Amino acid sequence: MPIYEYQCRKCNEVFEIFHKIDEDCNAACPKCLGPAKKLISATSFILKGSGFYVNDYPSQSRQEASKSEKTEPEKPKSVKSEEKKAEKKADAK
């Protein structure tokens, strides 16, 4: 069962109530017994594991691979590949 935060409409006291999701809770302030409204609170869960975004929680091997990709210098083109390009241009003419 989740914990919900409420705020009193009279004295602005913030308090928590532990009840079921589908339970209709007419909360009253524990200080002044005034009516209260439910607040929207931040959650405290984290989505981890397979099936979620890859860039959120990468594995150790993936982190190392991305670091090595960033640090590797660009490889120079081989002479043979440049010769083949020149031959293709000559054949096309």
PDB file of N, CA and C in Angstrom:
ATOM      1  N   MET A   1       0.837  -1.186   0.000  1.00  0.00           N
ATOM      2  CA  MET A   1       0.000   0.000   0.000  1.00  0.00           C
ATOM      3  C   MET A   1       0.882   1.250   0.000  1.00  0.00           C
ATOM      4  N   PRO A   2       0.522   2.214  -0.837  1.00  0.00           N
ATOM      5  CA  PRO A   2       1.317   3.437  -0.923  1.00  0.00           C
ATOM      6  C   PRO A   2       1.017   4.441   0.193  1.00  0.00           C
ATOM      7  N   ILE A   3       1.937   5.346   0.351  1.00  0.00           N
ATOM      8  CA  ILE A   3       1.772   6.443   1.308  1.00  0.00           C
ATOM      9  C   ILE A   3       1.418   7.690   0.507  1.00  0.00           C
ATOM     10  N   TYR A   4       0.360   8.372   0.905  1.00  0.00           N
ATOM     11  CA  TYR A   4      -0.086   9.582   0.230  1.00  0.00           C
ATOM     12  C   TYR A   4       0.123  10.795   1.121  1.00  0.00           C
ATOM     13  N   GLU A   5       0.472  11.920   0.495  1.00  0.00           N
ATOM     14  CA  GLU A   5       0.641  13.173   1.219  1.00  0.00           C
ATOM     15  C   GLU A   5      -0.621  14.016   1.056  1.00  0.00           C
ATOM     16  N   TYR A   6      -1.024  14.635   2.131  1.00  0.00           N
ATOM     17  CA  TYR A   6      -2.181  15.520   2.134  1.00  0.00           C
ATOM     18  C   TYR A   6      -1.783  16.845   2.767  1.00  0.00           C
ATOM     19  N   GLN A   7      -2.537  17.907   2.407  1.00  0.00           N
ATOM     20  CA  GLN A   7      -2.327  19.216   3.014  1.00  0.00           C
ATOM     21  C   GLN A   7      -3.673  19.748   3.480  1.00  0.00           C
ATOM     22  N   CYS A   8      -3.689  20.221   4.728  1.00  0.00           N
ATOM     23  CA  CYS A   8      -4.907  20.759   5.310  1.00  0.00           C
ATOM     24  C   CYS A   8      -5.273  22.076   4.622  1.00  0.00           C
ATOM     25  N   ARG A   9      -6.564  22.251   4.335  1.00  0.00           N
ATOM     26  CA  ARG A   9      -7.032  23.482   3.685  1.00  0.00           C
ATOM     27  C   ARG A   9      -7.138  24.644   4.668  1.00  0.00           C
ATOM     28  N   LYS A  10      -7.210  24.345   5.965  1.00  0.00           N
ATOM     29  CA  LYS A  10      -7.334  25.403   6.975  1.00  0.00           C
ATOM     30  C   LYS A  10      -5.966  25.863   7.484  1.00  0.00           C
ATOM     31  N   CYS A  11      -5.167  24.949   8.018  1.00  0.00           N
ATOM     32  CA  CYS A  11      -3.898  25.320   8.667  1.00  0.00           C
ATOM     33  C   CYS A  11      -2.667  25.032   7.816  1.00  0.00           C
ATOM     34  N   ASN A  12      -2.844  24.505   6.604  1.00  0.00           N
ATOM     35  CA  ASN A  12      -1.760  24.179   5.672  1.00  0.00           C
ATOM     36  C   ASN A  12      -0.766  23.145   6.205  1.00  0.00           C
ATOM     37  N   GLU A  13      -1.156  22.357   7.175  1.00  0.00           N
ATOM     38  CA  GLU A  13      -0.314  21.281   7.711  1.00  0.00           C
ATOM     39  C   GLU A  13      -0.211  20.174   6.659  1.00  0.00           C
ATOM     40  N   VAL A  14       1.007  19.672   6.411  1.00  0.00           N
ATOM     41  CA  VAL A  14       1.227  18.575   5.476  1.00  0.00           C
ATOM     42  C   VAL A  14       1.425  17.302   6.288  1.00  0.00           C
ATOM     43  N   PHE A  15       0.692  16.234   5.911  1.00  0.00           N
ATOM     44  CA  PHE A  15       0.779  14.965   6.624  1.00  0.00           C
ATOM     45  C   PHE A  15       0.621  13.824   5.639  1.00  0.00           C
ATOM     46  N   GLU A  16       0.962  12.617   6.092  1.00  0.00           N
ATOM     47  CA  GLU A  16       0.910  11.431   5.249  1.00  0.00           C
ATOM     48  C   GLU A  16      -0.123  10.439   5.759  1.00  0.00           C
ATOM     49  N   ILE A  17      -0.765   9.735   4.804  1.00  0.00           N
ATOM     50  CA  ILE A  17      -1.722   8.679   5.149  1.00  0.00           C
ATOM     51  C   ILE A  17      -1.381   7.452   4.318  1.00  0.00           C
ATOM     52  N   PHE A  18      -1.408   6.297   4.948  1.00  0.00           N
ATOM     53  CA  PHE A  18      -1.098   5.012   4.335  1.00  0.00           C
ATOM     54  C   PHE A  18      -2.422   4.312   4.037  1.00  0.00           C
ATOM     55  N   HIS A  19      -2.803   4.214   2.719  1.00  0.00           N
ATOM     56  CA  HIS A  19      -4.046   3.523   2.364  1.00  0.00           C
ATOM     57  C   HIS A  19      -3.953   2.940   0.964  1.00  0.00           C
ATOM     58  N   LYS A  20      -4.911   2.077   0.608  1.00  0.00           N
ATOM     59  CA  LYS A  20      -4.933   1.407  -0.691  1.00  0.00           C
ATOM     60  C   LYS A  20      -5.159   2.418  -1.813  1.00  0.00           C
ATOM     61  N   ILE A  21      -4.732   2.025  -3.015  1.00  0.00           N
ATOM     62  CA  ILE A  21      -4.887   2.895  -4.184  1.00  0.00           C
ATOM     63  C   ILE A  21      -6.362   3.141  -4.492  1.00  0.00           C
ATOM     64  N   ASP A  22      -7.169   2.083  -4.475  1.00  0.00           N
ATOM     65  CA  ASP A  22      -8.574   2.206  -4.840  1.00  0.00           C
ATOM     66  C   ASP A  22      -9.470   2.669  -3.687  1.00  0.00           C
ATOM     67  N   GLU A  23      -8.906   2.869  -2.528  1.00  0.00           N
ATOM     68  CA  GLU A  23      -9.679   3.307  -1.375  1.00  0.00           C
ATOM     69  C   GLU A  23      -9.943   4.814  -1.461  1.00  0.00           C
ATOM     70  N   ASP A  24     -11.207   5.211  -1.319  1.00  0.00           N
ATOM     71  CA  ASP A  24     -11.561   6.628  -1.327  1.00  0.00           C
ATOM     72  C   ASP A  24     -11.324   7.177   0.077  1.00  0.00           C
ATOM     73  N   CYS A  25     -10.358   8.063   0.215  1.00  0.00           N
ATOM     74  CA  CYS A  25      -9.974   8.551   1.526  1.00  0.00           C
ATOM     75  C   CYS A  25     -10.393  10.013   1.699  1.00  0.00           C
ATOM     76  N   ASN A  26     -11.304  10.239   2.590  1.00  0.00           N
ATOM     77  CA  ASN A  26     -11.684  11.605   2.954  1.00  0.00           C
ATOM     78  C   ASN A  26     -10.820  11.986   4.148  1.00  0.00           C
ATOM     79  N   ALA A  27      -9.658  12.551   3.861  1.00  0.00           N
ATOM     80  CA  ALA A  27      -8.673  12.830   4.895  1.00  0.00           C
ATOM     81  C   ALA A  27      -9.042  14.086   5.677  1.00  0.00           C
ATOM     82  N   ALA A  28      -8.740  14.014   6.974  1.00  0.00           N
ATOM     83  CA  ALA A  28      -8.926  15.163   7.859  1.00  0.00           C
ATOM     84  C   ALA A  28      -7.593  15.441   8.543  1.00  0.00           C
ATOM     85  N   CYS A  29      -7.320  16.708   8.765  1.00  0.00           N
ATOM     86  CA  CYS A  29      -6.071  17.123   9.382  1.00  0.00           C
ATOM     87  C   CYS A  29      -5.977  16.605  10.818  1.00  0.00           C
ATOM     88  N   PRO A  30      -4.834  16.010  11.199  1.00  0.00           N
ATOM     89  CA  PRO A  30      -4.694  15.513  12.573  1.00  0.00           C
ATOM     90  C   PRO A  30      -4.586  16.649  13.609  1.00  0.00           C
ATOM     91  N   LYS A  31      -4.230  17.850  13.172  1.00  0.00           N
ATOM     92  CA  LYS A  31      -4.101  18.992  14.101  1.00  0.00           C
ATOM     93  C   LYS A  31      -5.443  19.670  14.370  1.00  0.00           C
ATOM     94  N   CYS A  32      -6.088  20.132  13.271  1.00  0.00           N
ATOM     95  CA  CYS A  32      -7.308  20.933  13.436  1.00  0.00           C
ATOM     96  C   CYS A  32      -8.577  20.229  12.954  1.00  0.00           C
ATOM     97  N   LEU A  33      -8.451  19.015  12.429  1.00  0.00           N
ATOM     98  CA  LEU A  33      -9.557  18.211  11.893  1.00  0.00           C
ATOM     99  C   LEU A  33     -10.254  18.865  10.702  1.00  0.00           C
ATOM    100  N   GLY A  34      -9.533  19.766  10.018  1.00  0.00           N
ATOM    101  CA  GLY A  34     -10.069  20.406   8.820  1.00  0.00           C
ATOM    102  C   GLY A  34      -9.937  19.503   7.609  1.00  0.00           C
ATOM    103  N   PRO A  35     -10.631  19.853   6.522  1.00  0.00           N
ATOM    104  CA  PRO A  35     -10.547  19.038   5.294  1.00  0.00           C
ATOM    105  C   PRO A  35      -9.154  19.152   4.670  1.00  0.00           C
ATOM    106  N   ALA A  36      -8.748  18.101   3.972  1.00  0.00           N
ATOM    107  CA  ALA A  36      -7.421  18.071   3.365  1.00  0.00           C
ATOM    108  C   ALA A  36      -7.513  17.700   1.898  1.00  0.00           C
ATOM    109  N   LYS A  37      -6.521  18.138   1.138  1.00  0.00           N
ATOM    110  CA  LYS A  37      -6.445  17.777  -0.282  1.00  0.00           C
ATOM    111  C   LYS A  37      -5.197  16.935  -0.518  1.00  0.00           C
ATOM    112  N   LYS A  38      -5.285  16.024  -1.474  1.00  0.00           N
ATOM    113  CA  LYS A  38      -4.168  15.137  -1.799  1.00  0.00           C
ATOM    114  C   LYS A  38      -3.138  15.917  -2.606  1.00  0.00           C
ATOM    115  N   LEU A  39      -1.858  15.736  -2.268  1.00  0.00           N
ATOM    116  CA  LEU A  39      -0.765  16.380  -2.982  1.00  0.00           C
ATOM    117  C   LEU A  39      -0.127  15.409  -3.967  1.00  0.00           C
ATOM    118  N   ILE A  40       0.465  15.959  -5.009  1.00  0.00           N
ATOM    119  CA  ILE A  40       1.215  15.139  -5.959  1.00  0.00           C
ATOM    120  C   ILE A  40       2.652  15.137  -5.486  1.00  0.00           C
ATOM    121  N   SER A  41       3.187  13.962  -5.223  1.00  0.00           N
ATOM    122  CA  SER A  41       4.535  13.815  -4.672  1.00  0.00           C
ATOM    123  C   SER A  41       5.449  13.126  -5.667  1.00  0.00           C
ATOM    124  N   ALA A  42       6.742  13.345  -5.517  1.00  0.00           N
ATOM    125  CA  ALA A  42       7.736  12.676  -6.360  1.00  0.00           C
ATOM    126  C   ALA A  42       7.852  11.211  -5.943  1.00  0.00           C
ATOM    127  N   THR A  43       8.080  10.349  -6.914  1.00  0.00           N
ATOM    128  CA  THR A  43       8.245   8.931  -6.618  1.00  0.00           C
ATOM    129  C   THR A  43       9.703   8.622  -6.337  1.00  0.00           C
ATOM    130  N   SER A  44       9.954   7.461  -5.769  1.00  0.00           N
ATOM    131  CA  SER A  44      11.319   7.101  -5.404  1.00  0.00           C
ATOM    132  C   SER A  44      11.783   5.807  -6.060  1.00  0.00           C
ATOM    133  N   PHE A  45      11.216   5.428  -7.204  1.00  0.00           N
ATOM    134  CA  PHE A  45      11.663   4.201  -7.849  1.00  0.00           C
ATOM    135  C   PHE A  45      12.483   4.528  -9.092  1.00  0.00           C
ATOM    136  N   ILE A  46      13.383   3.606  -9.447  1.00  0.00           N
ATOM    137  CA  ILE A  46      14.265   3.764 -10.592  1.00  0.00           C
ATOM    138  C   ILE A  46      14.066   2.561 -11.504  1.00  0.00           C
ATOM    139  N   LEU A  47      13.910   2.814 -12.785  1.00  0.00           N
ATOM    140  CA  LEU A  47      13.742   1.745 -13.758  1.00  0.00           C
ATOM    141  C   LEU A  47      15.114   1.256 -14.186  1.00  0.00           C
ATOM    142  N   LYS A  48      15.437   0.003 -13.874  1.00  0.00           N
ATOM    143  CA  LYS A  48      16.715  -0.597 -14.244  1.00  0.00           C
ATOM    144  C   LYS A  48      16.461  -1.944 -14.902  1.00  0.00           C
ATOM    145  N   GLY A  49      17.422  -2.394 -15.640  1.00  0.00           N
ATOM    146  CA  GLY A  49      17.334  -3.719 -16.224  1.00  0.00           C
ATOM    147  C   GLY A  49      17.093  -3.680 -17.711  1.00  0.00           C
ATOM    148  N   SER A  50      16.969  -4.839 -18.317  1.00  0.00           N
ATOM    149  CA  SER A  50      16.775  -4.910 -19.758  1.00  0.00           C
ATOM    150  C   SER A  50      15.374  -4.430 -20.113  1.00  0.00           C
ATOM    151  N   GLY A  51      15.271  -3.815 -21.257  1.00  0.00           N
ATOM    152  CA  GLY A  51      13.986  -3.314 -21.719  1.00  0.00           C
ATOM    153  C   GLY A  51      13.810  -1.831 -21.502  1.00  0.00           C
ATOM    154  N   PHE A  52      14.715  -1.193 -20.789  1.00  0.00           N
ATOM    155  CA  PHE A  52      14.630   0.242 -20.578  1.00  0.00           C
ATOM    156  C   PHE A  52      15.684   0.923 -21.435  1.00  0.00           C
ATOM    157  N   TYR A  53      15.784   2.222 -21.341  1.00  0.00           N
ATOM    158  CA  TYR A  53      16.703   2.976 -22.173  1.00  0.00           C
ATOM    159  C   TYR A  53      18.142   2.497 -21.990  1.00  0.00           C
ATOM    160  N   VAL A  54      18.833   2.284 -23.085  1.00  0.00           N
ATOM    161  CA  VAL A  54      20.194   1.762 -23.071  1.00  0.00           C
ATOM    162  C   VAL A  54      21.157   2.768 -22.451  1.00  0.00           C
ATOM    163  N   ASN A  55      20.936   4.040 -22.696  1.00  0.00           N
ATOM    164  CA  ASN A  55      21.883   5.040 -22.223  1.00  0.00           C
ATOM    165  C   ASN A  55      21.691   5.417 -20.753  1.00  0.00           C
ATOM    166  N   ASP A  56      20.688   4.909 -20.077  1.00  0.00           N
ATOM    167  CA  ASP A  56      20.453   5.252 -18.676  1.00  0.00           C
ATOM    168  C   ASP A  56      21.403   4.521 -17.732  1.00  0.00           C
ATOM    169  N   TYR A  57      21.482   3.221 -17.848  1.00  0.00           N
ATOM    170  CA  TYR A  57      22.287   2.415 -16.934  1.00  0.00           C
ATOM    171  C   TYR A  57      23.118   1.411 -17.730  1.00  0.00           C
ATOM    172  N   PRO A  58      24.153   1.889 -18.444  1.00  0.00           N
ATOM    173  CA  PRO A  58      24.923   0.957 -19.264  1.00  0.00           C
ATOM    174  C   PRO A  58      25.780   0.023 -18.424  1.00  0.00           C
ATOM    175  N   SER A  59      26.000  -1.170 -18.960  1.00  0.00           N
ATOM    176  CA  SER A  59      26.850  -2.151 -18.284  1.00  0.00           C
ATOM    177  C   SER A  59      28.306  -1.682 -18.348  1.00  0.00           C
ATOM    178  N   GLN A  60      29.151  -2.309 -17.560  1.00  0.00           N
ATOM    179  CA  GLN A  60      30.571  -1.939 -17.511  1.00  0.00           C
ATOM    180  C   GLN A  60      31.226  -2.113 -18.883  1.00  0.00           C
ATOM    181  N   SER A  61      30.925  -3.216 -19.572  1.00  0.00           N
ATOM    182  CA  SER A  61      31.534  -3.468 -20.882  1.00  0.00           C
ATOM    183  C   SER A  61      31.079  -2.432 -21.906  1.00  0.00           C
ATOM    184  N   ARG A  62      29.823  -2.015 -21.832  1.00  0.00           N
ATOM    185  CA  ARG A  62      29.315  -1.003 -22.763  1.00  0.00           C
ATOM    186  C   ARG A  62      29.975   0.355 -22.494  1.00  0.00           C
ATOM    187  N   GLN A  63      30.196   0.690 -21.215  1.00  0.00           N
ATOM    188  CA  GLN A  63      30.871   1.943 -20.869  1.00  0.00           C
ATOM    189  C   GLN A  63      32.294   1.953 -21.415  1.00  0.00           C
ATOM    190  N   GLU A  64      33.024   0.826 -21.266  1.00  0.00           N
ATOM    191  CA  GLU A  64      34.389   0.738 -21.758  1.00  0.00           C
ATOM    192  C   GLU A  64      34.435   0.832 -23.280  1.00  0.00           C
ATOM    193  N   ALA A  65      33.474   0.211 -23.957  1.00  0.00           N
ATOM    194  CA  ALA A  65      33.435   0.246 -25.421  1.00  0.00           C
ATOM    195  C   ALA A  65      33.168   1.667 -25.918  1.00  0.00           C
ATOM    196  N   SER A  66      32.278   2.378 -25.285  1.00  0.00           N
ATOM    197  CA  SER A  66      31.985   3.741 -25.721  1.00  0.00           C
ATOM    198  C   SER A  66      33.170   4.670 -25.465  1.00  0.00           C
ATOM    199  N   LYS A  67      33.920   4.429 -24.389  1.00  0.00           N
ATOM    200  CA  LYS A  67      35.111   5.237 -24.108  1.00  0.00           C
ATOM    201  C   LYS A  67      36.186   4.987 -25.161  1.00  0.00           C
ATOM    202  N   SER A  68      36.378   3.713 -25.547  1.00  0.00           N
ATOM    203  CA  SER A  68      37.411   3.388 -26.536  1.00  0.00           C
ATOM    204  C   SER A  68      37.046   3.944 -27.908  1.00  0.00           C
ATOM    205  N   GLU A  69      35.767   3.994 -28.253  1.00  0.00           N
ATOM    206  CA  GLU A  69      35.339   4.570 -29.525  1.00  0.00           C
ATOM    207  C   GLU A  69      35.659   6.057 -29.585  1.00  0.00           C
ATOM    208  N   LYS A  70      35.503   6.726 -28.472  1.00  0.00           N
ATOM    209  CA  LYS A  70      35.744   8.166 -28.427  1.00  0.00           C
ATOM    210  C   LYS A  70      37.235   8.490 -28.488  1.00  0.00           C
ATOM    211  N   THR A  71      38.086   7.617 -27.944  1.00  0.00           N
ATOM    212  CA  THR A  71      39.518   7.899 -27.860  1.00  0.00           C
ATOM    213  C   THR A  71      40.321   7.383 -29.039  1.00  0.00           C
ATOM    214  N   GLU A  72      39.785   6.497 -29.877  1.00  0.00           N
ATOM    215  CA  GLU A  72      40.519   5.950 -31.020  1.00  0.00           C
ATOM    216  C   GLU A  72      40.699   7.019 -32.086  1.00  0.00           C
ATOM    217  N   PRO A  73      41.930   7.198 -32.604  1.00  0.00           N
ATOM    218  CA  PRO A  73      42.149   8.168 -33.683  1.00  0.00           C
ATOM    219  C   PRO A  73      41.559   7.639 -34.989  1.00  0.00           C
ATOM    220  N   GLU A  74      41.286   8.535 -35.897  1.00  0.00           N
ATOM    221  CA  GLU A  74      40.724   8.140 -37.180  1.00  0.00           C
ATOM    222  C   GLU A  74      41.787   7.407 -37.994  1.00  0.00           C
ATOM    223  N   LYS A  75      41.431   6.283 -38.568  1.00  0.00           N
ATOM    224  CA  LYS A  75      42.381   5.467 -39.320  1.00  0.00           C
ATOM    225  C   LYS A  75      42.641   6.112 -40.684  1.00  0.00           C
ATOM    226  N   PRO A  76      43.928   6.163 -41.110  1.00  0.00           N
ATOM    227  CA  PRO A  76      44.226   6.726 -42.430  1.00  0.00           C
ATOM    228  C   PRO A  76      43.752   5.772 -43.530  1.00  0.00           C
ATOM    229  N   LYS A  77      43.381   6.351 -44.655  1.00  0.00           N
ATOM    230  CA  LYS A  77      42.920   5.529 -45.777  1.00  0.00           C
ATOM    231  C   LYS A  77      44.115   4.815 -46.400  1.00  0.00           C
ATOM    232  N   SER A  78      43.886   3.626 -46.850  1.00  0.00           N
ATOM    233  CA  SER A  78      44.965   2.866 -47.473  1.00  0.00           C
ATOM    234  C   SER A  78      45.196   3.358 -48.903  1.00  0.00           C
ATOM    235  N   VAL A  79      46.357   3.119 -49.395  1.00  0.00           N
ATOM    236  CA  VAL A  79      46.727   3.541 -50.742  1.00  0.00           C
ATOM    237  C   VAL A  79      45.924   2.773 -51.776  1.00  0.00           C
ATOM    238  N   LYS A  80      45.668   1.495 -51.488  1.00  0.00           N
ATOM    239  CA  LYS A  80      44.925   0.658 -52.436  1.00  0.00           C
ATOM    240  C   LYS A  80      43.507   1.175 -52.652  1.00  0.00           C
ATOM    241  N   SER A  81      42.839   1.616 -51.600  1.00  0.00           N
ATOM    242  CA  SER A  81      41.467   2.097 -51.750  1.00  0.00           C
ATOM    243  C   SER A  81      41.443   3.381 -52.576  1.00  0.00           C
ATOM    244  N   GLU A  82      42.480   4.217 -52.439  1.00  0.00           N
ATOM    245  CA  GLU A  82      42.544   5.440 -53.234  1.00  0.00           C
ATOM    246  C   GLU A  82      42.817   5.107 -54.696  1.00  0.00           C
ATOM    247  N   GLU A  83      43.640   4.085 -54.942  1.00  0.00           N
ATOM    248  CA  GLU A  83      43.922   3.665 -56.310  1.00  0.00           C
ATOM    249  C   GLU A  83      42.673   3.118 -56.983  1.00  0.00           C
ATOM    250  N   LYS A  84      41.871   2.356 -56.228  1.00  0.00           N
ATOM    251  CA  LYS A  84      40.633   1.787 -56.785  1.00  0.00           C
ATOM    252  C   LYS A  84      39.654   2.897 -57.162  1.00  0.00           C
ATOM    253  N   LYS A  85      39.576   3.932 -56.323  1.00  0.00           N
ATOM    254  CA  LYS A  85      38.690   5.056 -56.637  1.00  0.00           C
ATOM    255  C   LYS A  85      39.136   5.768 -57.912  1.00  0.00           C
ATOM    256  N   ALA A  86      40.445   5.922 -58.051  1.00  0.00           N
ATOM    257  CA  ALA A  86      40.981   6.567 -59.256  1.00  0.00           C
ATOM    258  C   ALA A  86      40.688   5.736 -60.502  1.00  0.00           C
ATOM    259  N   GLU A  87      40.804   4.413 -60.387  1.00  0.00           N
ATOM    260  CA  GLU A  87      40.506   3.516 -61.502  1.00  0.00           C
ATOM    261  C   GLU A  87      39.026   3.605 -61.899  1.00  0.00           C
ATOM    262  N   LYS A  88      38.148   3.654 -60.918  1.00  0.00           N
ATOM    263  CA  LYS A  88      36.698   3.744 -61.220  1.00  0.00           C
ATOM    264  C   LYS A  88      36.379   5.037 -61.935  1.00  0.00           C
ATOM    265  N   LYS A  89      37.016   6.123 -61.518  1.00  0.00           N
ATOM    266  CA  LYS A  89      36.781   7.407 -62.190  1.00  0.00           C
ATOM    267  C   LYS A  89      37.275   7.356 -63.639  1.00  0.00           C
ATOM    268  N   ALA A  90      38.424   6.713 -63.850  1.00  0.00           N
ATOM    269  CA  ALA A  90      38.994   6.597 -65.193  1.00  0.00           C
ATOM    270  C   ALA A  90      38.113   5.717 -66.086  1.00  0.00           C
ATOM    271  N   ASP A  91      37.544   4.647 -65.515  1.00  0.00           N
ATOM    272  CA  ASP A  91      36.660   3.757 -66.272  1.00  0.00           C
ATOM    273  C   ASP A  91      35.345   4.447 -66.625  1.00  0.00           C
ATOM    274  N   ALA A  92      34.884   5.316 -65.756  1.00  0.00           N
ATOM    275  CA  ALA A  92      33.614   5.995 -65.982  1.00  0.00           C
ATOM    276  C   ALA A  92      33.697   6.995 -67.123  1.00  0.00           C
ATOM    277  N   LYS A  93      34.903   7.498 -67.407  1.00  0.00           N
ATOM    278  CA  LYS A  93      35.076   8.499 -68.471  1.00  0.00           C
ATOM    279  C   LYS A  93      35.085   7.866 -69.791  1.00  0.00           C
TER     280      LYS A  93
END
